[in-house]
Amino acid sequence: MKQTWLSHKFLWTLAGMVILAIPLMIFGWLVFQRPPQTVIEKQLFQGIYYRREYRSHPRPIMLHIVSIDLAAEGVRVLVTPGRARAPEWETNARTTSEFLEEFKLQLAVNANFFYPFDENTPWSSYPNSGDRVGVLGQAISNGHEYSPSQEDWAVFCITADHRARIVASGKCPAGTTQAVAGSSTIVVHGQAIPARQGSADSDDNYSRTAVAVDKTGKKLWLIAVDDKQWLYSEGVTLRELAEIAIALGADAALNLDGGGSTTLVTATPNGFQILNSPVHTKMPMRERPVANHLGFYALPRP
């Protein structure tokens, strides 16, 4: 009888250890899916080039930069469309890869800040894909404004002639075909500017997404920096993000939604590829469903 009891106790203990080990095994597998800490430069499509860079100072930083020539043949911009007749919950949440595949894009990145958001555990968060969410700041897709301009939410605008500009007032000019908003401009006329008063995370090392443009409005950069990953990538401040944009040659730059939202995705012959290492619900390489995105069509490289 005692031997049987001990056998049952051993089996239950073993089962408990296996159950505990499964999440650790999944986490470990995801860690090894992250991009390596190496430098890589390559052309993704006509007019679109990608650079991955690892910096060890002032802390580990994984930096992902995409340069885009808006004048290149075949390059077109698309912002996630809004829901029809939706005055409050303007979009259905999608991951960046879902957006890329749904609209058959070649490149996509997350865009506006949004609400509501809740992140408790790997199995409990909001929004999930398909959930209704609200967009902060102006958003325009194919000439249709589905989220109005808001004070203190600067906006990135694409006009019908494929020129880009960043407007600190938060309202794009007439004739804008695509637009997404961010928390603040971080570069103006090639100079870094202080974060707006009350910006709680400006001095924190954080995952960041930014879009930057040159003086002509024909060249832009997408910048993604990873965080929350000790010894792999530990984020940057807004000032450091601005300095990265200035070093690229940016005349203006806008801070978009960051943290676990930061996701940069490209299309490949075998499906989508996540270029950075997003962290959602504390799980590396897990994408967060977000309100909207900035996407690009492009032709295959020669």
Protein backbone atom coordinates (compact mmCIF):
# COMPACT_ATOMS: atom_id res chain seq x y z
CA MET A 1 0.00 0.00 0.00
CA LYS A 2 2.78 2.38 0.95
CA GLN A 3 4.68 1.52 -2.23
CA THR A 4 1.59 2.28 -4.34
CA TRP A 5 1.15 5.65 -2.59
CA LEU A 6 4.78 6.52 -3.23
CA SER A 7 4.42 5.53 -6.89
CA HIS A 8 1.39 7.79 -7.28
CA LYS A 9 3.20 10.64 -5.54
CA PHE A 10 6.17 10.21 -7.87
CA LEU A 11 3.92 10.23 -10.94
CA TRP A 12 2.11 13.37 -9.80
CA THR A 13 5.43 15.07 -9.05
CA LEU A 14 6.77 14.08 -12.46
CA ALA A 15 3.61 15.34 -14.17
CA GLY A 16 3.90 18.66 -12.34
CA MET A 17 7.52 19.05 -13.40
CA VAL A 18 6.60 18.35 -17.03
CA ILE A 19 3.78 20.91 -16.91
CA LEU A 20 6.16 23.51 -15.48
CA ALA A 21 8.84 22.65 -18.02
CA ILE A 22 6.63 23.13 -21.09
CA PRO A 23 6.37 26.97 -20.80
CA LEU A 24 10.11 27.17 -20.15
CA MET A 25 10.80 25.07 -23.24
CA ILE A 26 8.52 27.27 -25.35
CA PHE A 27 10.17 30.42 -23.98
CA GLY A 28 13.63 29.00 -24.70
CA TRP A 29 12.62 28.07 -28.24
CA LEU A 30 11.29 31.59 -28.86
CA VAL A 31 14.50 33.14 -27.54
CA PHE A 32 16.47 31.24 -30.17
CA GLN A 33 14.14 32.53 -32.90
CA ARG A 34 15.29 36.11 -32.32
CA PRO A 35 17.47 37.79 -34.95
CA PRO A 36 21.17 37.31 -34.17
CA GLN A 37 23.21 40.18 -32.72
CA THR A 38 25.03 40.78 -35.98
CA VAL A 39 25.12 43.50 -38.61
CA ILE A 40 23.32 42.82 -41.86
CA GLU A 41 22.49 45.06 -44.82
CA LYS A 42 20.38 43.97 -47.77
CA GLN A 43 17.95 45.15 -50.39
CA LEU A 44 14.47 43.85 -49.69
CA PHE A 45 12.66 45.25 -52.75
CA GLN A 46 13.11 47.95 -55.36
CA GLY A 47 13.62 51.18 -53.44
CA ILE A 48 13.61 49.45 -50.03
CA TYR A 49 16.76 48.56 -48.06
CA TYR A 50 17.12 47.01 -44.62
CA ARG A 51 19.90 47.27 -42.04
CA ARG A 52 20.15 45.38 -38.76
CA GLU A 53 22.71 46.68 -36.30
CA TYR A 54 23.86 45.58 -32.85
CA ARG A 55 25.26 48.17 -30.47
CA SER A 56 26.84 47.27 -27.15
CA HIS A 57 27.08 50.86 -25.85
CA PRO A 58 25.59 52.43 -23.77
CA ARG A 59 23.66 49.14 -23.34
CA PRO A 60 22.79 46.22 -25.62
CA ILE A 61 20.66 47.61 -28.46
CA MET A 62 19.21 45.80 -31.46
CA LEU A 63 18.46 48.41 -34.10
CA HIS A 64 16.44 47.81 -37.27
CA ILE A 65 16.34 50.45 -40.01
CA VAL A 66 14.48 50.37 -43.32
CA SER A 67 15.17 53.10 -45.88
CA ILE A 68 12.45 53.69 -48.46
CA ASP A 69 12.62 55.67 -51.70
CA LEU A 70 9.09 56.90 -52.35
CA ALA A 71 10.10 57.83 -55.90
CA ALA A 72 11.10 54.25 -56.75
CA GLU A 73 8.92 52.46 -59.27
CA GLY A 74 6.22 50.40 -57.60
CA VAL A 75 6.54 51.86 -54.10
CA ARG A 76 3.12 52.73 -52.67
CA VAL A 77 1.92 53.35 -49.13
CA LEU A 78 -1.12 51.90 -47.35
CA VAL A 79 -2.41 52.58 -43.84
CA THR A 80 -4.73 50.05 -42.23
CA PRO A 81 -8.30 50.93 -43.29
CA GLY A 82 -10.85 51.82 -40.63
CA ARG A 83 -14.13 50.09 -39.92
CA ALA A 84 -17.12 51.35 -41.89
CA ARG A 85 -19.34 53.80 -39.98
CA ALA A 86 -17.39 53.40 -36.75
CA PRO A 87 -17.30 56.70 -34.80
CA GLU A 88 -15.47 55.32 -31.74
CA TRP A 89 -13.89 51.90 -32.20
CA GLU A 90 -12.29 52.74 -35.53
CA THR A 91 -10.46 49.50 -36.34
CA ASN A 92 -10.30 45.79 -35.65
CA ALA A 93 -6.98 44.86 -34.08
CA ARG A 94 -4.50 42.94 -36.22
CA THR A 95 -0.92 41.86 -35.77
CA THR A 96 1.49 43.48 -38.19
CA SER A 97 1.98 40.22 -40.07
CA GLU A 98 -1.80 39.77 -40.37
CA PHE A 99 -2.03 43.25 -41.91
CA LEU A 100 0.82 42.51 -44.30
CA GLU A 101 -0.71 39.24 -45.49
CA GLU A 102 -4.31 40.48 -45.66
CA PHE A 103 -3.42 43.36 -47.99
CA LYS A 104 -0.59 41.52 -49.79
CA LEU A 105 2.02 44.09 -48.80
CA GLN A 106 5.78 43.78 -48.96
CA LEU A 107 6.63 45.66 -45.74
CA ALA A 108 4.72 46.79 -42.65
CA VAL A 109 5.27 48.35 -39.24
CA ASN A 110 2.96 49.20 -36.33
CA ALA A 111 1.69 52.77 -36.17
CA ASN A 112 -0.73 54.75 -33.92
CA PHE A 113 -1.09 54.46 -30.17
CA PHE A 114 -4.46 52.96 -29.29
CA TYR A 115 -6.91 51.99 -26.56
CA PRO A 116 -8.01 49.94 -24.67
CA PHE A 117 -4.99 47.83 -23.84
CA ASP A 118 -4.40 45.31 -21.08
CA GLU A 119 -1.53 42.87 -20.65
CA ASN A 120 -1.68 40.52 -17.68
CA THR A 121 -0.39 37.07 -18.58
CA PRO A 122 0.57 35.17 -21.77
CA TRP A 123 -3.01 33.87 -21.90
CA SER A 124 -4.83 37.04 -20.83
CA SER A 125 -4.45 40.29 -22.79
CA TYR A 126 -6.50 42.78 -24.79
CA PRO A 127 -6.91 43.33 -27.66
CA ASN A 128 -6.82 40.03 -29.48
CA SER A 129 -6.96 39.88 -33.26
CA GLY A 130 -10.38 41.06 -34.41
CA ASP A 131 -11.25 43.00 -31.25
CA ARG A 132 -12.48 46.56 -31.72
CA VAL A 133 -10.06 49.30 -30.69
CA GLY A 134 -9.80 53.07 -30.75
CA VAL A 135 -7.06 55.02 -32.52
CA LEU A 136 -5.25 57.99 -30.95
CA GLY A 137 -4.47 60.81 -33.34
CA GLN A 138 -5.26 61.26 -37.00
CA ALA A 139 -5.44 58.23 -39.28
CA ILE A 140 -6.16 58.28 -43.01
CA SER A 141 -6.32 55.33 -45.40
CA ASN A 142 -6.74 55.82 -49.15
CA GLY A 143 -7.96 59.38 -48.59
CA HIS A 144 -10.56 58.40 -45.96
CA GLU A 145 -10.03 59.89 -42.51
CA TYR A 146 -11.35 57.43 -39.93
CA SER A 147 -9.71 58.97 -36.86
CA PRO A 148 -9.65 62.77 -36.54
CA SER A 149 -6.68 64.90 -35.64
CA GLN A 150 -6.03 65.46 -31.95
CA GLU A 151 -3.98 68.08 -30.18
CA ASP A 152 -0.55 66.82 -29.06
CA TRP A 153 -0.60 63.88 -31.49
CA ALA A 154 1.75 64.79 -34.35
CA VAL A 155 1.07 63.10 -37.67
CA PHE A 156 2.95 61.55 -40.60
CA CYS A 157 1.28 62.35 -43.93
CA ILE A 158 1.58 60.99 -47.47
CA THR A 159 0.17 63.14 -50.26
CA ALA A 160 -1.20 62.05 -53.64
CA ASP A 161 2.15 62.82 -55.30
CA HIS A 162 3.91 60.38 -52.92
CA ARG A 163 5.58 62.99 -50.73
CA ALA A 164 5.93 62.51 -47.00
CA ARG A 165 5.86 65.11 -44.26
CA ILE A 166 5.49 65.23 -40.49
CA VAL A 167 3.08 67.82 -39.08
CA ALA A 168 3.51 68.75 -35.43
CA SER A 169 0.02 70.26 -35.17
CA GLY A 170 -1.47 66.81 -35.75
CA LYS A 171 -3.55 67.65 -38.84
CA CYS A 172 -2.46 66.65 -42.34
CA PRO A 173 -3.02 69.07 -45.23
CA ALA A 174 -5.81 68.65 -47.78
CA GLY A 175 -5.00 66.03 -50.38
CA THR A 176 -3.39 63.61 -47.91
CA THR A 177 -4.00 60.00 -48.92
CA GLN A 178 -2.38 58.11 -46.01
CA ALA A 179 -1.61 59.20 -42.45
CA VAL A 180 -0.65 57.82 -39.04
CA ALA A 181 -0.03 59.69 -35.80
CA GLY A 182 2.50 59.43 -33.00
CA SER A 183 3.06 60.81 -29.54
CA SER A 184 5.46 63.58 -30.54
CA THR A 185 7.93 64.85 -33.08
CA ILE A 186 11.46 64.05 -31.95
CA VAL A 187 13.37 65.72 -34.82
CA VAL A 188 12.52 69.07 -36.45
CA HIS A 189 14.70 70.67 -39.15
CA GLY A 190 17.41 68.12 -38.48
CA GLN A 191 17.62 68.89 -34.76
CA ALA A 192 16.54 66.80 -31.78
CA ILE A 193 13.82 68.45 -29.74
CA PRO A 194 12.84 67.80 -26.11
CA ALA A 195 10.02 65.36 -25.46
CA ARG A 196 6.72 67.05 -24.74
CA GLN A 197 6.05 67.90 -21.12
CA GLY A 198 4.42 65.03 -19.28
CA SER A 199 5.82 62.33 -21.54
CA ALA A 200 6.46 59.77 -18.82
CA ASP A 201 8.66 57.40 -20.80
CA SER A 202 10.91 59.93 -22.57
CA ASP A 203 13.93 59.17 -20.37
CA ASP A 204 13.27 55.44 -20.11
CA ASN A 205 15.02 52.81 -22.19
CA TYR A 206 12.15 51.41 -24.18
CA SER A 207 11.19 49.59 -27.36
CA ARG A 208 10.61 52.25 -30.00
CA THR A 209 9.07 52.64 -33.43
CA ALA A 210 9.71 55.80 -35.43
CA VAL A 211 9.24 57.15 -38.94
CA ALA A 212 11.61 59.79 -40.30
CA VAL A 213 11.73 61.81 -43.53
CA ASP A 214 14.34 63.85 -45.40
CA LYS A 215 13.94 67.45 -46.63
CA THR A 216 12.62 66.38 -50.04
CA GLY A 217 9.84 64.24 -48.61
CA LYS A 218 10.80 61.50 -51.03
CA LYS A 219 12.96 59.43 -48.71
CA LEU A 220 11.87 58.00 -45.41
CA TRP A 221 13.16 55.65 -42.76
CA LEU A 222 11.42 53.22 -40.46
CA ILE A 223 13.25 52.65 -37.18
CA ALA A 224 12.52 49.83 -34.73
CA VAL A 225 14.42 49.23 -31.49
CA ASP A 226 13.83 46.21 -29.25
CA ASP A 227 13.61 46.20 -25.44
CA LYS A 228 12.70 44.01 -22.41
CA GLN A 229 15.35 41.46 -23.37
CA TRP A 230 18.27 41.46 -20.94
CA LEU A 231 21.70 41.25 -22.58
CA TYR A 232 20.01 41.11 -26.00
CA SER A 233 18.38 44.52 -26.42
CA GLU A 234 17.41 46.97 -23.70
CA GLY A 235 15.84 49.86 -25.61
CA VAL A 236 16.59 53.56 -26.08
CA THR A 237 15.35 56.91 -24.80
CA LEU A 238 13.49 59.33 -27.06
CA ARG A 239 16.62 61.49 -27.22
CA GLU A 240 18.68 58.50 -28.38
CA LEU A 241 15.98 57.65 -30.92
CA ALA A 242 16.18 61.19 -32.27
CA GLU A 243 19.97 60.94 -32.58
CA ILE A 244 19.60 57.71 -34.57
CA ALA A 245 17.22 59.46 -36.99
CA ILE A 246 19.50 62.49 -37.36
CA ALA A 247 22.50 60.27 -38.13
CA LEU A 248 20.50 58.77 -41.00
CA GLY A 249 19.94 62.23 -42.50
CA ALA A 250 16.40 62.85 -41.26
CA ASP A 251 14.95 66.35 -41.38
CA ALA A 252 11.97 65.30 -39.24
CA ALA A 253 11.03 62.24 -37.20
CA LEU A 254 7.97 61.04 -35.33
CA ASN A 255 7.72 58.64 -32.38
CA LEU A 256 5.05 56.01 -33.03
CA ASP A 257 3.62 53.41 -30.64
CA GLY A 258 6.40 51.39 -29.01
CA GLY A 259 6.86 48.82 -26.27
CA GLY A 260 5.40 45.45 -27.14
CA SER A 261 3.70 47.02 -30.17
CA THR A 262 7.02 47.57 -31.97
CA THR A 263 6.97 45.13 -34.89
CA LEU A 264 8.61 45.27 -38.32
CA VAL A 265 7.58 42.64 -40.86
CA THR A 266 8.54 41.87 -44.46
CA ALA A 267 7.18 39.52 -47.08
CA THR A 268 9.35 36.66 -48.37
CA PRO A 269 8.74 33.92 -50.96
CA ASN A 270 7.95 31.59 -48.04
CA GLY A 271 5.59 33.90 -46.17
CA PHE A 272 6.17 36.76 -43.75
CA GLN A 273 9.32 37.35 -41.70
CA ILE A 274 9.48 39.35 -38.48
CA LEU A 275 12.64 41.44 -38.75
CA ASN A 276 12.88 42.54 -35.12
CA SER A 277 12.15 40.77 -31.82
CA PRO A 278 8.83 41.99 -30.41
CA VAL A 279 7.87 41.06 -26.85
CA HIS A 280 4.17 40.72 -26.09
CA THR A 281 2.86 39.32 -22.78
CA LYS A 282 6.53 38.81 -21.84
CA MET A 283 6.98 36.31 -24.69
CA PRO A 284 9.75 37.10 -27.22
CA MET A 285 8.85 36.95 -30.93
CA ARG A 286 5.14 37.16 -30.09
CA GLU A 287 3.31 39.87 -32.03
CA ARG A 288 0.82 42.19 -30.38
CA PRO A 289 -2.46 42.90 -32.19
CA VAL A 290 -2.54 46.69 -32.67
CA ALA A 291 -4.98 49.26 -34.04
CA ASN A 292 -3.30 50.19 -37.30
CA HIS A 293 -0.14 49.96 -39.34
CA LEU A 294 1.97 51.66 -41.99
CA GLY A 295 2.47 49.38 -44.99
CA PHE A 296 4.31 49.46 -48.30
CA TYR A 297 3.90 47.86 -51.69
CA ALA A 298 7.06 47.39 -53.73
CA LEU A 299 8.40 45.48 -56.72
CA PRO A 300 10.85 42.58 -56.37
CA ARG A 301 14.49 43.57 -56.33
CA PRO A 302 16.32 43.22 -59.67
